[in-house]
C-alpha atoms as a PDB file:
ATOM      1  CA  UNK A   1      33.251  -0.411   0.059  1.00  0.00           C
ATOM      2  CA  UNK A   2      30.071   1.036  -1.461  1.00  0.00           C
ATOM      3  CA  UNK A   3      30.316   3.408  -4.399  1.00  0.00           C
ATOM      4  CA  UNK A   4      27.687   6.114  -4.878  1.00  0.00           C
ATOM      5  CA  UNK A   5      26.620   6.711  -8.487  1.00  0.00           C
ATOM      6  CA  UNK A   6      23.898   9.113  -9.551  1.00  0.00           C
ATOM      7  CA  UNK A   7      23.246   7.623 -13.006  1.00  0.00           C
ATOM      8  CA  UNK A   8      24.093   4.454 -14.962  1.00  0.00           C
ATOM      9  CA  UNK A   9      24.448   4.933 -18.727  1.00  0.00           C
ATOM     10  CA  UNK A  10      25.159   2.528 -21.556  1.00  0.00           C
ATOM     11  CA  UNK A  11      28.730   2.015 -22.669  1.00  0.00           C
ATOM     12  CA  UNK A  12      28.122   3.020 -26.274  1.00  0.00           C
ATOM     13  CA  UNK A  13      28.751   6.336 -27.939  1.00  0.00           C
ATOM     14  CA  UNK A  14      25.458   7.919 -26.859  1.00  0.00           C
ATOM     15  CA  UNK A  15      25.949   6.779 -23.254  1.00  0.00           C
ATOM     16  CA  UNK A  16      29.398   8.322 -23.119  1.00  0.00           C
ATOM     17  CA  UNK A  17      28.050  11.572 -24.600  1.00  0.00           C
ATOM     18  CA  UNK A  18      25.309  11.600 -21.959  1.00  0.00           C
ATOM     19  CA  UNK A  19      27.942  10.938 -19.293  1.00  0.00           C
ATOM     20  CA  UNK A  20      29.944  13.930 -20.496  1.00  0.00           C
ATOM     21  CA  UNK A  21      26.964  16.227 -19.961  1.00  0.00           C
ATOM     22  CA  UNK A  22      26.081  14.634 -16.626  1.00  0.00           C
ATOM     23  CA  UNK A  23      29.623  15.213 -15.374  1.00  0.00           C
ATOM     24  CA  UNK A  24      29.465  18.849 -16.523  1.00  0.00           C
ATOM     25  CA  UNK A  25      26.388  19.223 -14.309  1.00  0.00           C
ATOM     26  CA  UNK A  26      28.176  17.741 -11.313  1.00  0.00           C
ATOM     27  CA  UNK A  27      26.622  14.260 -11.373  1.00  0.00           C
ATOM     28  CA  UNK A  28      28.560  11.002 -11.100  1.00  0.00           C
ATOM     29  CA  UNK A  29      27.825   8.332 -13.690  1.00  0.00           C
ATOM     30  CA  UNK A  30      28.790   4.751 -14.384  1.00  0.00           C
ATOM     31  CA  UNK A  31      29.247   3.645 -17.994  1.00  0.00           C
ATOM     32  CA  UNK A  32      28.046   0.040 -18.239  1.00  0.00           C
ATOM     33  CA  UNK A  33      30.661  -1.328 -20.666  1.00  0.00           C
ATOM     34  CA  UNK A  34      30.262  -4.875 -19.353  1.00  0.00           C
ATOM     35  CA  UNK A  35      26.462  -4.881 -19.786  1.00  0.00           C
ATOM     36  CA  UNK A  36      25.884  -5.812 -16.142  1.00  0.00           C
ATOM     37  CA  UNK A  37      22.627  -3.872 -16.032  1.00  0.00           C
ATOM     38  CA  UNK A  38      21.509  -4.537 -19.588  1.00  0.00           C
ATOM     39  CA  UNK A  39      18.396  -6.647 -20.008  1.00  0.00           C
ATOM     40  CA  UNK A  40      19.567  -8.141 -23.320  1.00  0.00           C
ATOM     41  CA  UNK A  41      22.838 -10.090 -23.665  1.00  0.00           C
ATOM     42  CA  UNK A  42      23.740  -9.166 -27.241  1.00  0.00           C
ATOM     43  CA  UNK A  43      23.990  -6.179 -29.533  1.00  0.00           C
ATOM     44  CA  UNK A  44      20.725  -5.311 -31.259  1.00  0.00           C
ATOM     45  CA  UNK A  45      18.641  -7.684 -29.143  1.00  0.00           C
ATOM     46  CA  UNK A  46      15.914  -5.143 -28.199  1.00  0.00           C
ATOM     47  CA  UNK A  47      15.144  -4.596 -31.905  1.00  0.00           C
ATOM     48  CA  UNK A  48      14.837  -8.325 -32.521  1.00  0.00           C
ATOM     49  CA  UNK A  49      12.317  -8.749 -29.697  1.00  0.00           C
ATOM     50  CA  UNK A  50       9.918  -5.938 -30.628  1.00  0.00           C
END
């Protein structure tokens, strides 16, 4: 079965806030709690690689 999702957001606090507003506008979203789509494996990794 294929699931349709309009937007993928991060699983942190800001991603969930964004998801709240997306849902209010009628869009489906997926919160990536498992970091399947995240480029970096750990917390804070993007800052370390700047």
